[in-house]
Each structure stands twice: as structure tokens, then as C-alpha cells.
Amino acid sequence: MTEKTPQGNNFDNWLDSYAARANTLSVSEVRALFAVVSRPEVVSLAGGMPYVSALPKELLESSYESMMASRGNLALQYGGGQGDLQLREQIRELMALEGISSSVEDIVVTTGSQQGLDLLGGLFLDEGDVVLAESPSYVGALGIFRHYEAHVEHVHTDDEGMDPDAMQEAITRLKAAGRKIKFLYLVPNFGNPSGVTLTEERRHRIVEICRREHILILEDNPYGLLYFANKPPVALRSYEDDCVIYLGSFSKILAPGFRVGYVLAPPAIRDKLVLANESAILSPSSFSQMLISEYMAKADWQGQIDTFRGVYRERRDAALDAMREYLPGLKTTRPDGGFYLWVTLPDGVDSKAMLPLAVKELVAYTPGTAFFANGTGQSNLRISFCYPTPDNIKLGIKRLASVINLQSELLETFVSKTGGVK
């Protein structure tokens, strides 16, 4: 008889029928917060949601009308598995801003860059394979690697990005143990969750090491054009064509609701990506692709990206000002672009255990544990400054400070009463 296991309020009659990898599926700590942060009284510093209100809706409305008049029948039809040719040409122009010279034939359009990551995971990862990743690393990528039963090896990362010496040490150690390293995954510009940008010197060294060690690099770059002052260094893909796969997205520079991303890959990998894409979804959305293409052809999209930069710069400054005012003793990164601050808590304060208390005080954040495959990260949390208004950012950090300070005081009292035994 099939065992019935409670899952929420339901019983699962098919427990013994799932594939083994289904056991790797778990609720994202970020997604799990959505029900809470949707409450209007809660200031959410948790989700990395773009501030789409800064996008003039008339730009999209006029693009929609023009697209439907000229390509409406095509937009409502199936498309090719590689993506719309006109949009791929425009993606080439977009990537050129990152220093990348590419062929339109090597670009594959995906349903968000998240699907691109999933396709690459399916193409390359077998159970037990190793993925090198930043420490901390993007939660969505970690979920994909876990689903394909890979081992994530976090590599030391500091204010200059991933440490090439630590990466080389990890490669040497893992290969000596007989482990198969399939690729390095990193978000080099204004990383999620750290906000850190990989320096130019380290980019060259990392590419050189991966080329020598025959390790693919997955360069995930959704935030690269959202810099606040100086542009980040050019993409790793601009240094090397054969060992770097580049992933981009329109979610942060336009709107995530379109669910359009793209992958630039060497020709042999590109061919397999197209086949995998067709197998998974037949084709990416023709409607979304053609609407974005029309927008890029008709609107001042680079001017709109400048607008987003100003919006996020103002919010970053509000977050840093609030941290200095309410939590002056805590270490935090100072990102030069993107969406996030990475905060280090006082000794002994656990970001995951503290979250329910923060929600009671009407503020939410993402615990650091979401960004480590090995369960660590309790001493950190991520603040997303992209969506709330500057005033709400200040209010949220003020509320957060009251929770952190209370937890720190309680911990100190406990330690003093127990003679230092925690």
C-alpha cells in the first residue's frame, strides 16, 4: 500500500512514483516570503523586484500597437526554438555595451535567463558533478544545481569578487579527490546577493585558470547595465569565446513579466541548447519577443536604462544612509550598481531564526542561508533596495534595527548570565 505523507493539507498518493531528483525540490527562501511581503503594512526588503513603475507605460502601449499592426499574426503564432531573428540582432547590440562581439547565430532566446540556467544544468550536470560558485551565490542557480544533484563548492569571495587563488586551490583539491568539475557559475557585476563586482584583474585570472583547467564559465549578468557611476569592467565573455557561456535578461532593464532572457554560447553548445529549448517549451514566447523588439526599435531604451540607474542609485543611497543612522556598527557592502546590500550581523545573531520576529515588526529581508548550498550564512542577510520607496527603505531598516539590536542585547544578557556558555 502506498504510504500517504502529509504535505500541507494534502496527502500524496504518488510518493513512490517520483523520480529520485524530485526529492531535491524545496521551497526557495525568497519565494516563501512572497505571501508575507504582499501584506501592505510590511516593508519588504526581501525580493529583488524591479521598480517597473519607473517604466512609462505609453512606451509599451505604442510598441504594442505598432507590433500588432506590422507583425501581429506572427506574434500570436509559434516561433523557432532559437528565438526571433530581429530580437537576436538587437541582443547583439545590447551585449556590445558589455564589450562582447558576437554572432547572431550563437544567441538563443530563453524564457528568462533562469530557463537558460536550467537548460545548461540539464545538458551538463550528472549526479555528483561539481559546480564552483561564489560565496554567497544566487539562490535561483543553487536550486537548479541542487535539482540536477550537483555538488556546489563555494569559493571565497570578498569585496573584489571571487578570489582566483582560492578557486585554484579548490580546483586542485577537488580534482585530486577524483571529482568532476563541470563549470564555474558567477554573477560578476553587482552580484546577487552580495552587490560585489569582480575586478578586472581577477576576471583575467579566472578566465585564464578556467581555460587551463578546461572548466566552463557561466557568466550570469542581469545587472551589468544598472551601474550608478562608473561602468563595470567588460564581460568575461569578451576575453574568451570558447569557455564562457554568457547569460542575459530583459527582466531588470525592462520588465520581468515578459520572461525573456538569452544565452550566448559556443556553436556546438548552442546547437544543443536549441534542441533542449525546443524539447522543453517548443519555442520562447513570440509575443513577448516581438513586443520587446518593437520597443527597442522605437523607444529610447538606453535613456530608459539611465532612468532606472537614477531610481536605483537613489534607493541605494537611502539604504546606506539608513544603515549608517540605525545600524552604524554593522558591516555592509556598498554596491556600485544593481539591487542589493549584503549585511553581516552581530556575533551570535541568526538571520533565519530572527526573520519571524522581523515580520512581526512589519519588515522582511532574505536570510543569508538562502545563498549557500551548504546551509551556512546565518550571520548574514540580504537587503533589496530596488522596489520600496526611499522613505519605506528608511522605515524598514529602522524596524530591522530594532529587531537586530534586541536580539543582540538578549544574547549578551544570556551569555553574561551563563558565564559565556551559549
Protein backbone atom coordinates (compact mmCIF):
# COMPACT_ATOMS: atom_id res chain seq x y z
CA MET A 1 0.00 0.00 0.00
CA THR A 2 1.32 3.44 -0.87
CA GLU A 3 2.34 5.47 2.16
CA LYS A 4 0.43 8.70 2.49
CA THR A 5 2.57 11.59 3.58
CA PRO A 6 1.12 14.93 4.62
CA GLN A 7 2.25 17.90 2.53
CA GLY A 8 0.48 20.97 3.81
CA ASN A 9 -3.17 19.90 3.99
CA ASN A 10 -2.80 17.25 1.27
CA PHE A 11 -1.79 13.61 1.21
CA ASP A 12 0.49 12.36 -1.56
CA ASN A 13 -0.63 9.07 -3.08
CA TRP A 14 2.31 9.04 -5.50
CA LEU A 15 5.24 9.19 -3.13
CA ASP A 16 6.80 6.02 -4.50
CA SER A 17 6.43 7.14 -8.13
CA TYR A 18 8.54 10.29 -8.20
CA ALA A 19 11.94 10.38 -9.81
CA ALA A 20 14.75 10.49 -7.26
CA ARG A 21 15.64 14.06 -8.24
CA ALA A 22 12.17 15.23 -7.19
CA ASN A 23 13.43 14.94 -3.63
CA THR A 24 15.85 17.79 -4.35
CA LEU A 25 12.98 20.24 -4.88
CA SER A 26 12.43 22.61 -1.98
CA VAL A 27 10.74 25.93 -1.35
CA SER A 28 13.02 28.87 -2.09
CA GLU A 29 13.57 31.01 1.00
CA VAL A 30 12.94 34.03 -1.21
CA ARG A 31 9.71 32.70 -2.79
CA ALA A 32 8.46 31.57 0.60
CA LEU A 33 8.42 35.19 1.72
CA PHE A 34 6.08 36.38 -1.03
CA ALA A 35 2.86 35.71 0.88
CA VAL A 36 4.16 37.69 3.83
CA VAL A 37 5.62 40.64 1.96
CA SER A 38 2.46 41.11 -0.09
CA ARG A 39 0.80 42.48 3.04
CA PRO A 40 0.71 46.27 2.56
CA GLU A 41 1.79 47.02 6.12
CA VAL A 42 5.03 45.03 5.75
CA VAL A 43 8.06 46.83 4.34
CA SER A 44 9.69 44.27 2.09
CA LEU A 45 13.45 44.44 1.79
CA ALA A 46 13.37 40.82 0.63
CA GLY A 47 12.52 40.35 -3.05
CA GLY A 48 14.65 41.64 -5.92
CA MET A 49 11.68 43.06 -7.82
CA PRO A 50 12.46 45.77 -10.36
CA TYR A 51 10.70 49.10 -9.90
CA VAL A 52 8.58 48.78 -13.03
CA SER A 53 6.61 51.92 -12.16
CA ALA A 54 9.60 53.86 -13.50
CA LEU A 55 8.84 52.48 -16.97
CA PRO A 56 6.49 54.81 -18.89
CA LYS A 57 3.57 52.62 -19.87
CA GLU A 58 2.93 54.67 -23.01
CA LEU A 59 6.21 53.37 -24.44
CA LEU A 60 4.95 49.81 -24.21
CA GLU A 61 1.45 50.72 -25.37
CA SER A 62 2.72 52.36 -28.54
CA SER A 63 5.13 49.47 -29.11
CA TYR A 64 2.25 47.02 -28.73
CA GLU A 65 0.07 48.85 -31.24
CA SER A 66 2.90 49.10 -33.77
CA MET A 67 3.90 45.47 -33.31
CA MET A 68 0.34 44.18 -33.72
CA ALA A 69 -0.14 46.29 -36.87
CA SER A 70 3.05 45.04 -38.53
CA ARG A 71 3.69 41.55 -37.08
CA GLY A 72 0.54 40.66 -35.17
CA ASN A 73 -0.12 37.30 -36.83
CA LEU A 74 3.48 36.21 -36.28
CA ALA A 75 3.44 37.43 -32.68
CA LEU A 76 0.44 35.23 -31.91
CA GLN A 77 1.96 32.14 -33.53
CA TYR A 78 4.60 29.57 -32.60
CA GLY A 79 8.17 30.59 -33.31
CA GLY A 80 11.55 28.96 -33.69
CA GLY A 81 13.41 27.33 -30.83
CA GLN A 82 16.34 29.72 -31.16
CA GLY A 83 14.25 32.87 -30.91
CA ASP A 84 13.21 35.76 -33.13
CA LEU A 85 15.98 36.83 -35.51
CA GLN A 86 15.25 40.54 -35.23
CA LEU A 87 15.42 40.42 -31.43
CA ARG A 88 18.65 38.42 -31.56
CA GLU A 89 20.17 41.16 -33.72
CA GLN A 90 19.17 43.70 -31.07
CA ILE A 91 20.59 41.49 -28.32
CA ARG A 92 23.92 41.66 -30.14
CA GLU A 93 23.77 45.46 -29.83
CA LEU A 94 22.89 45.13 -26.16
CA MET A 95 25.81 42.81 -25.42
CA ALA A 96 28.18 45.11 -27.31
CA LEU A 97 27.66 47.58 -24.45
CA GLU A 98 29.37 44.96 -22.26
CA GLY A 99 32.30 44.64 -24.66
CA ILE A 100 31.04 41.46 -26.34
CA SER A 101 31.42 40.84 -30.06
CA SER A 102 29.11 38.02 -31.12
CA SER A 103 27.32 36.33 -33.97
CA VAL A 104 23.55 36.38 -34.04
CA GLU A 105 23.71 32.66 -34.83
CA ASP A 106 25.19 31.91 -31.40
CA ILE A 107 22.37 33.56 -29.42
CA VAL A 108 19.49 31.50 -28.02
CA VAL A 109 16.43 33.26 -26.58
CA THR A 110 15.05 31.68 -23.40
CA THR A 111 12.12 32.14 -21.05
CA GLY A 112 14.13 34.35 -18.73
CA SER A 113 17.78 33.68 -18.02
CA GLN A 114 16.58 31.28 -15.31
CA GLN A 115 15.45 28.87 -18.03
CA GLY A 116 18.83 29.28 -19.69
CA LEU A 117 20.47 28.13 -16.46
CA ASP A 118 18.11 25.18 -16.24
CA LEU A 119 18.81 24.11 -19.83
CA LEU A 120 22.56 24.27 -19.19
CA GLY A 121 22.16 22.30 -15.99
CA GLY A 122 20.29 19.59 -17.88
CA LEU A 123 22.89 19.50 -20.63
CA PHE A 124 25.96 19.29 -18.41
CA LEU A 125 25.24 18.07 -14.89
CA ASP A 126 25.22 14.47 -13.76
CA GLU A 127 24.72 13.40 -10.19
CA GLY A 128 27.77 14.27 -8.11
CA ASP A 129 29.31 16.71 -10.61
CA VAL A 130 30.82 19.84 -9.10
CA VAL A 131 29.82 23.45 -9.72
CA LEU A 132 32.12 26.17 -8.42
CA ALA A 133 30.22 29.22 -7.19
CA GLU A 134 30.71 32.46 -5.34
CA SER A 135 30.28 32.61 -1.59
CA PRO A 136 27.44 33.65 -1.34
CA SER A 137 25.69 32.84 -4.63
CA TYR A 138 22.35 33.40 -6.39
CA VAL A 139 19.60 31.31 -4.78
CA GLY A 140 17.87 30.53 -8.10
CA ALA A 141 21.02 28.99 -9.53
CA LEU A 142 21.63 26.96 -6.38
CA GLY A 143 18.14 25.48 -6.70
CA ILE A 144 18.84 24.36 -10.26
CA PHE A 145 22.18 22.80 -9.35
CA ARG A 146 20.55 21.01 -6.43
CA HIS A 147 17.79 19.70 -8.70
CA TYR A 148 20.37 18.16 -11.02
CA GLU A 149 22.06 16.62 -7.97
CA ALA A 150 25.32 18.51 -8.39
CA HIS A 151 27.65 19.46 -5.56
CA VAL A 152 28.16 23.21 -5.17
CA GLU A 153 31.61 24.19 -3.96
CA HIS A 154 31.56 27.74 -2.67
CA VAL A 155 34.77 29.69 -3.33
CA HIS A 156 35.90 32.52 -1.05
CA THR A 157 34.58 35.87 -2.25
CA ASP A 158 35.50 39.28 -0.87
CA ASP A 159 34.94 42.92 -1.80
CA GLU A 160 36.78 42.37 -5.09
CA GLY A 161 34.76 39.32 -6.08
CA MET A 162 35.77 35.68 -6.26
CA ASP A 163 39.36 35.03 -5.14
CA PRO A 164 41.28 33.34 -8.02
CA ASP A 165 43.81 31.79 -5.63
CA ALA A 166 41.02 30.21 -3.59
CA MET A 167 39.41 29.00 -6.80
CA GLN A 168 42.64 27.36 -7.96
CA GLU A 169 43.07 25.71 -4.56
CA ALA A 170 39.52 24.32 -4.76
CA ILE A 171 40.08 23.02 -8.30
CA THR A 172 43.33 21.30 -7.33
CA ARG A 173 41.79 19.74 -4.21
CA LEU A 174 38.65 18.53 -5.98
CA LYS A 175 40.50 17.07 -8.94
CA ALA A 176 42.92 15.28 -6.60
CA ALA A 177 39.88 13.70 -4.96
CA GLY A 178 38.65 12.49 -8.35
CA ARG A 179 35.74 14.93 -8.59
CA LYS A 180 34.50 16.16 -11.96
CA ILE A 181 34.15 19.94 -12.16
CA LYS A 182 31.65 20.90 -14.87
CA PHE A 183 31.58 24.66 -14.60
CA LEU A 184 32.11 27.86 -12.67
CA TYR A 185 28.99 29.93 -12.06
CA LEU A 186 29.23 33.60 -11.17
CA VAL A 187 27.38 36.93 -11.28
CA PRO A 188 30.34 39.25 -11.87
CA ASN A 189 28.55 42.62 -11.79
CA PHE A 190 26.76 43.86 -8.65
CA GLY A 191 26.24 40.26 -7.63
CA ASN A 192 23.14 38.73 -6.14
CA PRO A 193 23.16 38.75 -3.13
CA SER A 194 26.44 40.49 -2.30
CA GLY A 195 26.32 43.54 -4.58
CA VAL A 196 30.04 42.97 -5.21
CA THR A 197 31.68 43.47 -8.63
CA LEU A 198 34.53 41.24 -9.79
CA THR A 199 37.62 43.34 -10.52
CA GLU A 200 39.19 43.42 -13.96
CA GLU A 201 42.43 41.84 -12.78
CA ARG A 202 40.56 38.94 -11.21
CA ARG A 203 38.42 38.48 -14.32
CA HIS A 204 41.52 37.88 -16.42
CA ARG A 205 42.97 35.45 -13.89
CA ILE A 206 39.73 33.49 -13.52
CA VAL A 207 39.34 33.11 -17.28
CA GLU A 208 42.97 32.03 -17.58
CA ILE A 209 42.58 29.40 -14.84
CA CYS A 210 39.34 28.00 -16.28
CA ARG A 211 40.82 27.84 -19.78
CA ARG A 212 43.85 25.95 -18.47
CA GLU A 213 41.76 23.60 -16.30
CA HIS A 214 39.14 23.02 -19.04
CA ILE A 215 36.24 24.35 -16.96
CA LEU A 216 33.28 26.16 -18.50
CA ILE A 217 32.29 29.55 -17.10
CA LEU A 218 28.63 30.50 -16.80
CA GLU A 219 28.64 34.30 -16.69
CA ASP A 220 25.23 35.47 -15.46
CA ASN A 221 24.89 39.22 -15.99
CA PRO A 222 21.38 40.61 -15.39
CA TYR A 223 22.57 43.76 -13.61
CA GLY A 224 25.59 44.89 -15.64
CA LEU A 225 23.94 47.92 -17.27
CA LEU A 226 22.49 49.16 -13.96
CA TYR A 227 25.66 50.88 -12.76
CA PHE A 228 25.45 54.07 -10.70
CA ALA A 229 28.66 55.88 -11.64
CA ASN A 230 31.42 54.02 -13.44
CA LYS A 231 30.72 51.12 -15.79
CA PRO A 232 31.94 47.75 -14.53
CA PRO A 233 34.77 46.01 -16.39
CA VAL A 234 33.86 44.37 -19.69
CA ALA A 235 32.30 40.92 -19.66
CA LEU A 236 34.40 37.80 -19.19
CA ARG A 237 32.93 36.62 -22.49
CA SER A 238 34.80 39.48 -24.21
CA TYR A 239 38.09 37.83 -23.17
CA GLU A 240 37.24 34.30 -24.26
CA ASP A 241 34.74 32.82 -26.73
CA ASP A 242 35.12 29.09 -26.21
CA CYS A 243 34.97 28.56 -22.44
CA VAL A 244 32.48 31.29 -21.44
CA ILE A 245 28.71 30.97 -21.76
CA TYR A 246 27.02 34.33 -21.24
CA LEU A 247 23.50 34.74 -19.85
CA GLY A 248 21.49 37.95 -20.02
CA SER A 249 17.95 39.08 -19.35
CA PHE A 250 15.43 41.82 -20.05
CA SER A 251 13.91 41.35 -16.59
CA LYS A 252 16.00 44.00 -14.83
CA ILE A 253 16.47 46.54 -17.64
CA LEU A 254 12.86 46.38 -18.90
CA ALA A 255 10.33 44.23 -17.02
CA PRO A 256 10.37 40.67 -15.63
CA GLY A 257 6.81 39.96 -16.76
CA PHE A 258 7.99 39.42 -20.33
CA ARG A 259 10.10 36.45 -19.20
CA VAL A 260 12.68 36.90 -21.94
CA GLY A 261 16.35 36.09 -21.46
CA TYR A 262 19.15 34.91 -23.70
CA VAL A 263 22.24 32.76 -23.82
CA LEU A 264 25.37 33.32 -25.91
CA ALA A 265 27.24 30.05 -26.32
CA PRO A 266 29.91 28.44 -28.49
CA PRO A 267 28.37 26.89 -31.65
CA ALA A 268 28.37 23.25 -30.52
CA ILE A 269 26.76 24.11 -27.18
CA ARG A 270 24.35 26.49 -28.93
CA ASP A 271 23.08 23.66 -31.14
CA LYS A 272 22.31 21.52 -28.09
CA LEU A 273 20.69 24.47 -26.32
CA VAL A 274 18.30 24.98 -29.23
CA LEU A 275 17.32 21.30 -29.19
CA ALA A 276 16.87 21.39 -25.41
CA ASN A 277 14.81 24.57 -25.68
CA GLU A 278 12.52 23.03 -28.30
CA SER A 279 12.15 19.91 -26.19
CA ALA A 280 11.24 21.91 -23.08
CA ILE A 281 8.93 24.64 -24.43
CA LEU A 282 8.77 24.25 -28.25
CA SER A 283 9.65 27.95 -28.58
CA PRO A 284 10.00 31.03 -26.40
CA SER A 285 7.07 33.43 -26.48
CA SER A 286 6.85 35.08 -29.89
CA PHE A 287 4.57 37.76 -28.46
CA SER A 288 6.99 38.82 -25.72
CA GLN A 289 9.99 38.74 -28.05
CA MET A 290 8.36 40.83 -30.77
CA LEU A 291 6.98 43.37 -28.31
CA ILE A 292 10.45 43.84 -26.79
CA SER A 293 11.93 44.06 -30.27
CA GLU A 294 9.44 46.76 -31.28
CA TYR A 295 10.15 48.66 -28.06
CA MET A 296 13.90 48.58 -28.74
CA ALA A 297 13.35 49.72 -32.32
CA LYS A 298 11.00 52.61 -31.48
CA ALA A 299 11.82 53.80 -27.96
CA ASP A 300 14.87 55.37 -26.34
CA TRP A 301 15.65 52.20 -24.39
CA GLN A 302 19.13 53.36 -23.40
CA GLY A 303 17.59 56.53 -21.98
CA GLN A 304 15.14 54.37 -20.03
CA ILE A 305 18.03 52.36 -18.58
CA ASP A 306 19.55 55.69 -17.47
CA THR A 307 16.27 56.42 -15.69
CA PHE A 308 16.41 53.08 -13.89
CA ARG A 309 20.01 53.81 -12.86
CA GLY A 310 18.88 57.03 -11.21
CA VAL A 311 15.99 55.31 -9.45
CA TYR A 312 18.17 52.55 -8.03
CA ARG A 313 21.01 54.90 -7.12
CA GLU A 314 18.60 56.97 -5.02
CA ARG A 315 17.36 53.82 -3.29
CA ARG A 316 20.88 52.51 -2.71
CA ASP A 317 21.82 55.82 -1.10
CA ALA A 318 18.70 55.74 1.08
CA ALA A 319 19.57 52.22 2.25
CA LEU A 320 23.19 53.13 3.06
CA ASP A 321 22.12 56.30 4.87
CA ALA A 322 19.64 54.33 6.95
CA MET A 323 22.27 51.69 7.77
CA ARG A 324 24.63 54.43 8.99
CA GLU A 325 21.87 56.01 11.08
CA TYR A 326 20.24 52.95 12.62
CA LEU A 327 22.86 50.17 12.40
CA PRO A 328 26.20 52.02 12.37
CA GLY A 329 28.17 49.10 13.78
CA LEU A 330 27.27 46.56 11.13
CA LYS A 331 29.38 45.77 8.09
CA THR A 332 27.58 46.10 4.76
CA THR A 333 28.69 46.09 1.16
CA ARG A 334 28.46 49.32 -0.84
CA PRO A 335 27.34 48.27 -4.34
CA ASP A 336 28.12 50.45 -7.36
CA GLY A 337 25.02 49.16 -9.14
CA GLY A 338 22.30 46.55 -9.03
CA PHE A 339 19.78 45.84 -6.29
CA TYR A 340 21.37 44.52 -3.09
CA LEU A 341 23.22 45.11 0.17
CA TRP A 342 24.87 42.20 1.99
CA VAL A 343 24.84 42.74 5.75
CA THR A 344 26.92 40.99 8.43
CA LEU A 345 25.08 40.62 11.76
CA PRO A 346 26.49 40.86 15.30
CA ASP A 347 28.10 37.68 16.61
CA GLY A 348 25.56 35.03 17.52
CA VAL A 349 22.55 36.65 15.83
CA ASP A 350 20.92 34.18 13.40
CA SER A 351 19.26 35.78 10.37
CA LYS A 352 16.97 32.83 9.69
CA ALA A 353 15.80 32.46 13.29
CA MET A 354 15.28 36.21 13.53
CA LEU A 355 13.05 36.51 10.44
CA PRO A 356 9.69 35.70 12.11
CA LEU A 357 10.45 38.37 14.73
CA ALA A 358 11.22 40.87 11.99
CA VAL A 359 7.96 40.10 10.22
CA LYS A 360 6.11 40.77 13.48
CA GLU A 361 7.76 44.19 13.40
CA LEU A 362 6.49 44.59 9.82
CA VAL A 363 9.75 44.28 7.93
CA ALA A 364 11.08 41.42 5.79
CA TYR A 365 14.52 40.55 4.42
CA THR A 366 16.16 37.45 2.98
CA PRO A 367 18.25 35.32 5.38
CA GLY A 368 21.81 34.62 4.29
CA THR A 369 21.16 30.88 4.43
CA ALA A 370 19.27 31.14 1.13
CA PHE A 371 22.52 31.86 -0.70
CA PHE A 372 24.67 28.94 0.45
CA ALA A 373 24.27 25.35 -0.69
CA ASN A 374 25.92 24.07 2.49
CA GLY A 375 23.42 25.59 4.94
CA THR A 376 25.67 28.35 6.24
CA GLY A 377 25.01 32.08 6.07
CA GLN A 378 23.20 32.54 9.38
CA SER A 379 25.35 35.57 10.20
CA ASN A 380 24.28 37.46 7.07
CA LEU A 381 21.15 38.85 5.45
CA ARG A 382 20.33 40.45 2.10
CA ILE A 383 18.58 43.80 1.82
CA SER A 384 16.93 44.55 -1.52
CA PHE A 385 16.64 48.28 -2.09
CA CYS A 386 15.23 48.13 -5.61
CA TYR A 387 11.47 48.18 -5.01
CA PRO A 388 10.48 50.19 -1.90
CA THR A 389 10.43 53.98 -1.96
CA PRO A 390 13.37 55.71 -0.24
CA ASP A 391 11.12 56.61 2.71
CA ASN A 392 9.97 53.00 3.08
CA ILE A 393 13.56 51.77 2.84
CA LYS A 394 14.45 54.03 5.76
CA LEU A 395 11.39 52.86 7.73
CA GLY A 396 12.15 49.22 7.01
CA ILE A 397 15.77 49.47 8.13
CA LYS A 398 14.68 51.35 11.27
CA ARG A 399 12.32 48.47 12.09
CA LEU A 400 15.02 45.93 11.27
CA ALA A 401 17.48 47.73 13.55
CA SER A 402 15.11 47.42 16.50
CA VAL A 403 14.91 43.65 15.96
CA ILE A 404 18.67 43.18 15.49
CA ASN A 405 19.53 45.33 18.49
CA LEU A 406 17.04 43.49 20.69
CA GLN A 407 18.41 40.10 19.63
CA SER A 408 21.96 41.25 20.26
CA GLU A 409 21.05 42.57 23.72
CA LEU A 410 19.23 39.35 24.64
CA LEU A 411 22.20 37.31 23.51
CA GLU A 412 24.61 39.41 25.56
CA THR A 413 22.39 39.06 28.64
CA PHE A 414 22.17 35.30 28.18
CA VAL A 415 25.93 34.94 27.78
CA SER A 416 26.64 37.04 30.88
CA LYS A 417 24.21 35.03 32.98
CA THR A 418 25.58 31.67 31.82
CA GLY A 419 29.22 32.61 32.18
CA GLY A 420 29.89 32.78 28.46
CA VAL A 421 28.24 29.45 27.52
CA LYS A 422 25.95 29.98 24.52
